[in-house]
C-alpha atoms as a PDB file:
ATOM      1  CA  UNK A   1      99.834  14.728 137.165  1.00  0.00           C
ATOM      2  CA  UNK A   2      98.646  12.220 139.774  1.00  0.00           C
ATOM      3  CA  UNK A   3      96.550  10.330 137.238  1.00  0.00           C
ATOM      4  CA  UNK A   4      99.536  10.021 134.893  1.00  0.00           C
ATOM      5  CA  UNK A   5     101.689   8.618 137.685  1.00  0.00           C
ATOM      6  CA  UNK A   6      99.011   6.039 138.433  1.00  0.00           C
ATOM      7  CA  UNK A   7      98.726   5.044 134.778  1.00  0.00           C
ATOM      8  CA  UNK A   8     102.473   4.468 134.473  1.00  0.00           C
ATOM      9  CA  UNK A   9     102.501   2.428 137.649  1.00  0.00           C
ATOM     10  CA  UNK A  10      99.521   0.348 136.495  1.00  0.00           C
ATOM     11  CA  UNK A  11     101.103  -0.389 133.135  1.00  0.00           C
ATOM     12  CA  UNK A  12     104.195  -2.116 134.520  1.00  0.00           C
ATOM     13  CA  UNK A  13     103.929  -5.920 134.418  1.00  0.00           C
ATOM     14  CA  UNK A  14     105.804  -8.663 136.215  1.00  0.00           C
ATOM     15  CA  UNK A  15     107.242 -11.809 134.635  1.00  0.00           C
ATOM     16  CA  UNK A  16     103.763 -13.405 134.615  1.00  0.00           C
ATOM     17  CA  UNK A  17     102.321 -10.455 132.738  1.00  0.00           C
ATOM     18  CA  UNK A  18     100.401  -9.077 135.725  1.00  0.00           C
ATOM     19  CA  UNK A  19     100.253  -5.401 136.641  1.00  0.00           C
ATOM     20  CA  UNK A  20     100.765  -4.159 140.175  1.00  0.00           C
ATOM     21  CA  UNK A  21      97.034  -3.526 140.474  1.00  0.00           C
ATOM     22  CA  UNK A  22      96.180  -7.059 139.297  1.00  0.00           C
ATOM     23  CA  UNK A  23      98.554  -8.551 141.873  1.00  0.00           C
ATOM     24  CA  UNK A  24      96.999  -6.381 144.584  1.00  0.00           C
ATOM     25  CA  UNK A  25      93.485  -7.618 143.782  1.00  0.00           C
ATOM     26  CA  UNK A  26      94.680 -11.236 143.802  1.00  0.00           C
ATOM     27  CA  UNK A  27      96.128 -10.644 147.273  1.00  0.00           C
ATOM     28  CA  UNK A  28      92.927  -8.954 148.486  1.00  0.00           C
ATOM     29  CA  UNK A  29      90.773 -11.853 147.307  1.00  0.00           C
ATOM     30  CA  UNK A  30      92.992 -14.361 149.082  1.00  0.00           C
ATOM     31  CA  UNK A  31      92.805 -12.342 152.286  1.00  0.00           C
ATOM     32  CA  UNK A  32      89.034 -12.149 151.933  1.00  0.00           C
ATOM     33  CA  UNK A  33      88.674 -15.903 151.396  1.00  0.00           C
ATOM     34  CA  UNK A  34      90.729 -16.768 154.477  1.00  0.00           C
ATOM     35  CA  UNK A  35      90.036 -13.995 156.967  1.00  0.00           C
ATOM     36  CA  UNK A  36      86.847 -12.169 155.948  1.00  0.00           C
ATOM     37  CA  UNK A  37      84.405 -14.546 154.298  1.00  0.00           C
ATOM     38  CA  UNK A  38      83.982 -16.755 157.412  1.00  0.00           C
ATOM     39  CA  UNK A  39      82.960 -13.690 159.421  1.00  0.00           C
ATOM     40  CA  UNK A  40      81.108 -11.718 156.732  1.00  0.00           C
ATOM     41  CA  UNK A  41      79.359 -14.428 154.682  1.00  0.00           C
ATOM     42  CA  UNK A  42      77.300 -13.468 151.664  1.00  0.00           C
ATOM     43  CA  UNK A  43      75.423 -15.271 148.912  1.00  0.00           C
ATOM     44  CA  UNK A  44      75.610 -14.183 145.280  1.00  0.00           C
ATOM     45  CA  UNK A  45      72.268 -14.247 143.505  1.00  0.00           C
ATOM     46  CA  UNK A  46      71.122 -13.513 139.974  1.00  0.00           C
ATOM     47  CA  UNK A  47      73.957 -13.652 137.464  1.00  0.00           C
ATOM     48  CA  UNK A  48      76.553 -15.341 139.637  1.00  0.00           C
ATOM     49  CA  UNK A  49      79.191 -15.976 136.972  1.00  0.00           C
ATOM     50  CA  UNK A  50      82.218 -13.706 136.986  1.00  0.00           C
ATOM     51  CA  UNK A  51      82.178 -10.938 134.394  1.00  0.00           C
ATOM     52  CA  UNK A  52      85.570 -11.170 132.712  1.00  0.00           C
ATOM     53  CA  UNK A  53      84.928 -10.726 128.991  1.00  0.00           C
ATOM     54  CA  UNK A  54      85.169  -6.925 128.792  1.00  0.00           C
ATOM     55  CA  UNK A  55      85.054  -3.687 130.782  1.00  0.00           C
ATOM     56  CA  UNK A  56      81.994  -3.061 132.945  1.00  0.00           C
ATOM     57  CA  UNK A  57      80.596  -0.348 135.186  1.00  0.00           C
ATOM     58  CA  UNK A  58      79.431  -1.940 138.436  1.00  0.00           C
ATOM     59  CA  UNK A  59      76.668   0.175 139.976  1.00  0.00           C
ATOM     60  CA  UNK A  60      75.461  -0.626 143.482  1.00  0.00           C
ATOM     61  CA  UNK A  61      73.503   0.690 146.424  1.00  0.00           C
ATOM     62  CA  UNK A  62      75.663   1.843 149.301  1.00  0.00           C
ATOM     63  CA  UNK A  63      75.226   0.563 152.851  1.00  0.00           C
ATOM     64  CA  UNK A  64      78.734   0.307 154.323  1.00  0.00           C
ATOM     65  CA  UNK A  65      82.461   0.553 153.584  1.00  0.00           C
ATOM     66  CA  UNK A  66      82.410  -3.218 152.947  1.00  0.00           C
ATOM     67  CA  UNK A  67      80.334  -2.747 149.785  1.00  0.00           C
ATOM     68  CA  UNK A  68      83.578  -2.674 147.824  1.00  0.00           C
ATOM     69  CA  UNK A  69      84.043  -6.399 148.539  1.00  0.00           C
ATOM     70  CA  UNK A  70      81.199  -7.915 146.461  1.00  0.00           C
ATOM     71  CA  UNK A  71      82.048  -5.516 143.634  1.00  0.00           C
ATOM     72  CA  UNK A  72      85.578  -6.928 143.564  1.00  0.00           C
ATOM     73  CA  UNK A  73      84.348 -10.515 143.705  1.00  0.00           C
ATOM     74  CA  UNK A  74      82.028 -10.379 140.686  1.00  0.00           C
ATOM     75  CA  UNK A  75      85.004 -10.313 138.330  1.00  0.00           C
ATOM     76  CA  UNK A  76      88.502 -11.776 138.192  1.00  0.00           C
ATOM     77  CA  UNK A  77      89.788  -8.414 136.973  1.00  0.00           C
ATOM     78  CA  UNK A  78      90.674  -5.319 139.048  1.00  0.00           C
ATOM     79  CA  UNK A  79      88.056  -2.666 139.791  1.00  0.00           C
ATOM     80  CA  UNK A  80      88.632   1.079 140.036  1.00  0.00           C
ATOM     81  CA  UNK A  81      86.255   2.528 142.627  1.00  0.00           C
ATOM     82  CA  UNK A  82      84.873   6.036 142.389  1.00  0.00           C
ATOM     83  CA  UNK A  83      85.372   7.505 145.855  1.00  0.00           C
ATOM     84  CA  UNK A  84      84.993  10.858 147.568  1.00  0.00           C
ATOM     85  CA  UNK A  85      88.183  12.886 147.804  1.00  0.00           C
ATOM     86  CA  UNK A  86      87.627  13.133 151.561  1.00  0.00           C
ATOM     87  CA  UNK A  87      88.349   9.403 151.859  1.00  0.00           C
ATOM     88  CA  UNK A  88      91.971  10.010 150.868  1.00  0.00           C
ATOM     89  CA  UNK A  89      92.420  12.596 153.633  1.00  0.00           C
ATOM     90  CA  UNK A  90      92.640   9.868 156.283  1.00  0.00           C
ATOM     91  CA  UNK A  91      95.603   7.523 156.557  1.00  0.00           C
ATOM     92  CA  UNK A  92      93.736   4.239 155.970  1.00  0.00           C
ATOM     93  CA  UNK A  93      91.594   5.788 153.248  1.00  0.00           C
ATOM     94  CA  UNK A  94      94.646   7.225 151.528  1.00  0.00           C
ATOM     95  CA  UNK A  95      96.348   3.800 151.607  1.00  0.00           C
ATOM     96  CA  UNK A  96      93.253   2.072 150.189  1.00  0.00           C
ATOM     97  CA  UNK A  97      92.628   4.609 147.422  1.00  0.00           C
ATOM     98  CA  UNK A  98      96.234   4.392 146.277  1.00  0.00           C
ATOM     99  CA  UNK A  99      96.383   0.599 146.352  1.00  0.00           C
ATOM    100  CA  UNK A 100      93.114   0.244 144.420  1.00  0.00           C
ATOM    101  CA  UNK A 101      93.889   3.212 142.176  1.00  0.00           C
ATOM    102  CA  UNK A 102      90.524   4.755 143.009  1.00  0.00           C
ATOM    103  CA  UNK A 103      89.029   7.626 141.047  1.00  0.00           C
ATOM    104  CA  UNK A 104      88.635  10.486 143.514  1.00  0.00           C
ATOM    105  CA  UNK A 105      85.674  12.795 142.972  1.00  0.00           C
ATOM    106  CA  UNK A 106      84.386  16.002 144.539  1.00  0.00           C
ATOM    107  CA  UNK A 107      81.477  15.748 146.946  1.00  0.00           C
ATOM    108  CA  UNK A 108      79.191  17.487 144.436  1.00  0.00           C
ATOM    109  CA  UNK A 109      80.125  14.920 141.773  1.00  0.00           C
ATOM    110  CA  UNK A 110      81.190  17.488 139.166  1.00  0.00           C
ATOM    111  CA  UNK A 111      84.855  16.547 138.869  1.00  0.00           C
ATOM    112  CA  UNK A 112      85.705  16.596 135.158  1.00  0.00           C
ATOM    113  CA  UNK A 113      89.155  15.113 135.702  1.00  0.00           C
ATOM    114  CA  UNK A 114      87.633  12.134 137.535  1.00  0.00           C
ATOM    115  CA  UNK A 115      85.159  11.542 134.716  1.00  0.00           C
ATOM    116  CA  UNK A 116      87.942  11.650 132.140  1.00  0.00           C
ATOM    117  CA  UNK A 117      90.007   9.206 134.193  1.00  0.00           C
ATOM    118  CA  UNK A 118      87.047   6.820 134.472  1.00  0.00           C
ATOM    119  CA  UNK A 119      86.500   7.008 130.714  1.00  0.00           C
ATOM    120  CA  UNK A 120      90.176   6.252 130.149  1.00  0.00           C
ATOM    121  CA  UNK A 121      90.036   3.155 132.353  1.00  0.00           C
ATOM    122  CA  UNK A 122      86.897   1.859 130.626  1.00  0.00           C
ATOM    123  CA  UNK A 123      88.271   2.401 127.132  1.00  0.00           C
ATOM    124  CA  UNK A 124      91.371   0.563 128.334  1.00  0.00           C
ATOM    125  CA  UNK A 125      89.209  -2.468 129.142  1.00  0.00           C
ATOM    126  CA  UNK A 126      89.249  -1.912 132.930  1.00  0.00           C
ATOM    127  CA  UNK A 127      86.282  -2.000 135.329  1.00  0.00           C
ATOM    128  CA  UNK A 128      84.856   0.929 137.275  1.00  0.00           C
ATOM    129  CA  UNK A 129      82.553   0.746 140.304  1.00  0.00           C
ATOM    130  CA  UNK A 130      80.160   3.572 141.182  1.00  0.00           C
ATOM    131  CA  UNK A 131      77.797   4.025 144.126  1.00  0.00           C
ATOM    132  CA  UNK A 132      75.424   6.681 142.712  1.00  0.00           C
ATOM    133  CA  UNK A 133      73.965   7.561 146.110  1.00  0.00           C
ATOM    134  CA  UNK A 134      77.319   9.230 146.791  1.00  0.00           C
ATOM    135  CA  UNK A 135      77.380   8.275 150.469  1.00  0.00           C
ATOM    136  CA  UNK A 136      76.268   5.443 152.726  1.00  0.00           C
ATOM    137  CA  UNK A 137      72.533   5.025 153.118  1.00  0.00           C
ATOM    138  CA  UNK A 138      71.640   4.761 156.820  1.00  0.00           C
ATOM    139  CA  UNK A 139      67.930   5.487 156.296  1.00  0.00           C
ATOM    140  CA  UNK A 140      64.957   3.168 155.833  1.00  0.00           C
ATOM    141  CA  UNK A 141      64.626   4.236 152.195  1.00  0.00           C
ATOM    142  CA  UNK A 142      65.720   1.798 149.494  1.00  0.00           C
ATOM    143  CA  UNK A 143      67.990   4.440 147.933  1.00  0.00           C
ATOM    144  CA  UNK A 144      69.191   7.917 148.693  1.00  0.00           C
ATOM    145  CA  UNK A 145      68.775  10.366 145.774  1.00  0.00           C
ATOM    146  CA  UNK A 146      71.050   9.338 142.923  1.00  0.00           C
ATOM    147  CA  UNK A 147      73.831  11.626 141.777  1.00  0.00           C
ATOM    148  CA  UNK A 148      74.156  11.880 138.012  1.00  0.00           C
ATOM    149  CA  UNK A 149      77.152  10.289 136.328  1.00  0.00           C
ATOM    150  CA  UNK A 150      76.914   6.498 136.023  1.00  0.00           C
ATOM    151  CA  UNK A 151      74.436   6.480 133.138  1.00  0.00           C
ATOM    152  CA  UNK A 152      76.246   9.213 131.214  1.00  0.00           C
ATOM    153  CA  UNK A 153      79.574   7.417 131.651  1.00  0.00           C
ATOM    154  CA  UNK A 154      78.009   4.213 130.358  1.00  0.00           C
ATOM    155  CA  UNK A 155      76.588   5.996 127.304  1.00  0.00           C
ATOM    156  CA  UNK A 156      79.711   7.953 126.411  1.00  0.00           C
ATOM    157  CA  UNK A 157      81.953   4.869 126.579  1.00  0.00           C
ATOM    158  CA  UNK A 158      79.331   2.344 125.392  1.00  0.00           C
ATOM    159  CA  UNK A 159      80.063   0.248 128.466  1.00  0.00           C
ATOM    160  CA  UNK A 160      77.472  -2.147 129.967  1.00  0.00           C
ATOM    161  CA  UNK A 161      76.333  -1.631 133.545  1.00  0.00           C
ATOM    162  CA  UNK A 162      76.206  -4.490 136.051  1.00  0.00           C
ATOM    163  CA  UNK A 163      73.565  -3.680 138.703  1.00  0.00           C
ATOM    164  CA  UNK A 164      74.667  -4.847 142.168  1.00  0.00           C
ATOM    165  CA  UNK A 165      72.006  -4.759 144.868  1.00  0.00           C
ATOM    166  CA  UNK A 166      72.255  -5.733 148.512  1.00  0.00           C
ATOM    167  CA  UNK A 167      69.222  -6.180 150.729  1.00  0.00           C
ATOM    168  CA  UNK A 168      70.769  -5.146 154.045  1.00  0.00           C
ATOM    169  CA  UNK A 169      74.074  -3.805 155.309  1.00  0.00           C
ATOM    170  CA  UNK A 170      76.943  -6.307 155.367  1.00  0.00           C
ATOM    171  CA  UNK A 171      77.416  -7.284 159.027  1.00  0.00           C
ATOM    172  CA  UNK A 172      79.682  -9.646 160.931  1.00  0.00           C
ATOM    173  CA  UNK A 173      78.308 -13.174 161.508  1.00  0.00           C
ATOM    174  CA  UNK A 174      75.176 -12.427 159.496  1.00  0.00           C
ATOM    175  CA  UNK A 175      74.639 -13.692 155.958  1.00  0.00           C
ATOM    176  CA  UNK A 176      74.120 -11.020 153.345  1.00  0.00           C
ATOM    177  CA  UNK A 177      72.445 -11.438 149.969  1.00  0.00           C
ATOM    178  CA  UNK A 178      73.853  -9.646 146.937  1.00  0.00           C
ATOM    179  CA  UNK A 179      71.994  -9.733 143.621  1.00  0.00           C
ATOM    180  CA  UNK A 180      73.880  -9.131 140.376  1.00  0.00           C
ATOM    181  CA  UNK A 181      71.613  -8.180 137.514  1.00  0.00           C
ATOM    182  CA  UNK A 182      72.191  -8.942 133.865  1.00  0.00           C
ATOM    183  CA  UNK A 183      74.482  -6.366 132.210  1.00  0.00           C
ATOM    184  CA  UNK A 184      72.499  -3.762 130.284  1.00  0.00           C
ATOM    185  CA  UNK A 185      73.254  -0.790 128.058  1.00  0.00           C
ATOM    186  CA  UNK A 186      71.596   2.512 127.173  1.00  0.00           C
ATOM    187  CA  UNK A 187      71.700   1.753 123.449  1.00  0.00           C
ATOM    188  CA  UNK A 188      68.855   4.207 122.695  1.00  0.00           C
ATOM    189  CA  UNK A 189      71.199   7.029 123.682  1.00  0.00           C
ATOM    190  CA  UNK A 190      74.251   5.890 121.740  1.00  0.00           C
ATOM    191  CA  UNK A 191      75.758   8.072 119.005  1.00  0.00           C
ATOM    192  CA  UNK A 192      73.672  11.140 119.781  1.00  0.00           C
ATOM    193  CA  UNK A 193      74.439  14.469 121.357  1.00  0.00           C
ATOM    194  CA  UNK A 194      73.192  14.156 124.923  1.00  0.00           C
ATOM    195  CA  UNK A 195      70.951  16.890 126.304  1.00  0.00           C
ATOM    196  CA  UNK A 196      70.303  17.490 129.992  1.00  0.00           C
ATOM    197  CA  UNK A 197      66.900  15.852 129.466  1.00  0.00           C
ATOM    198  CA  UNK A 198      68.572  12.770 127.973  1.00  0.00           C
ATOM    199  CA  UNK A 199      70.893  12.415 130.952  1.00  0.00           C
ATOM    200  CA  UNK A 200      68.005  12.837 133.408  1.00  0.00           C
ATOM    201  CA  UNK A 201      65.995  10.216 131.505  1.00  0.00           C
ATOM    202  CA  UNK A 202      68.922   7.766 131.546  1.00  0.00           C
ATOM    203  CA  UNK A 203      69.501   8.369 135.277  1.00  0.00           C
ATOM    204  CA  UNK A 204      65.828   7.686 135.967  1.00  0.00           C
ATOM    205  CA  UNK A 205      65.932   4.560 133.817  1.00  0.00           C
ATOM    206  CA  UNK A 206      68.921   3.302 135.804  1.00  0.00           C
ATOM    207  CA  UNK A 207      67.229   3.959 139.146  1.00  0.00           C
ATOM    208  CA  UNK A 208      63.978   2.256 138.101  1.00  0.00           C
ATOM    209  CA  UNK A 209      65.896  -0.744 136.802  1.00  0.00           C
ATOM    210  CA  UNK A 210      67.760  -1.065 140.094  1.00  0.00           C
ATOM    211  CA  UNK A 211      64.513  -0.734 142.049  1.00  0.00           C
ATOM    212  CA  UNK A 212      63.055  -3.621 140.039  1.00  0.00           C
ATOM    213  CA  UNK A 213      66.062  -5.775 140.877  1.00  0.00           C
ATOM    214  CA  UNK A 214      65.875  -4.775 144.541  1.00  0.00           C
ATOM    215  CA  UNK A 215      62.248  -5.946 144.618  1.00  0.00           C
ATOM    216  CA  UNK A 216      63.314  -9.338 143.219  1.00  0.00           C
ATOM    217  CA  UNK A 217      66.003  -9.589 145.900  1.00  0.00           C
ATOM    218  CA  UNK A 218      63.597  -8.510 148.643  1.00  0.00           C
ATOM    219  CA  UNK A 219      61.052 -11.149 147.635  1.00  0.00           C
ATOM    220  CA  UNK A 220      63.760 -13.833 147.669  1.00  0.00           C
ATOM    221  CA  UNK A 221      64.979 -12.887 151.162  1.00  0.00           C
ATOM    222  CA  UNK A 222      61.464 -12.614 152.616  1.00  0.00           C
ATOM    223  CA  UNK A 223      60.550 -16.049 151.209  1.00  0.00           C
ATOM    224  CA  UNK A 224      63.659 -17.488 152.854  1.00  0.00           C
ATOM    225  CA  UNK A 225      62.550 -16.123 156.215  1.00  0.00           C
ATOM    226  CA  UNK A 226      59.151 -17.797 155.833  1.00  0.00           C
ATOM    227  CA  UNK A 227      60.721 -21.247 155.529  1.00  0.00           C
END
């Protein structure tokens, strides 16, 4: 029922042909440009053009709550974030998830309704952002163990993935570097009945690809520090 309410709300357009969600993202980006960017500066690397031509799944590593910002700024179109249901239990989290029309998922990542909602958004030409680690990474490891889902969603909807990698946590008054990889697809898995082995293979392929991009980003940042 909740998803249907959200869909109806999203579909309403103003006189300029913009939905409520589109207007909200325009407002957020203006607020970011004026009030946030001076204090949380970051540099876009890799494919720095905005991805506006179709629906994408933005997949990133997760360091802080501010990771949603670069995901929103790599496209002029709205982004539906996959978020833990627990986020909506707090007042600010509930406000944010409603405004951004987030896709709320169970902690174990096995929420069928959430997957169906994500598929619906993608087939509708809308973007979805997923942090496959499932929670913020506060360790020294590059990634926490990935939860399955992003690769399978990409395959089932034939939607390209945009890898989004950050080198360190976004912090106030410290420049961050975010690398956006070239969109890629799991075309070898298209139009076939997926087995558990196929999904595991696609998940591993995604993780290895993101590790390769992280290494490129790491080399860039370390070279900067040498200068």
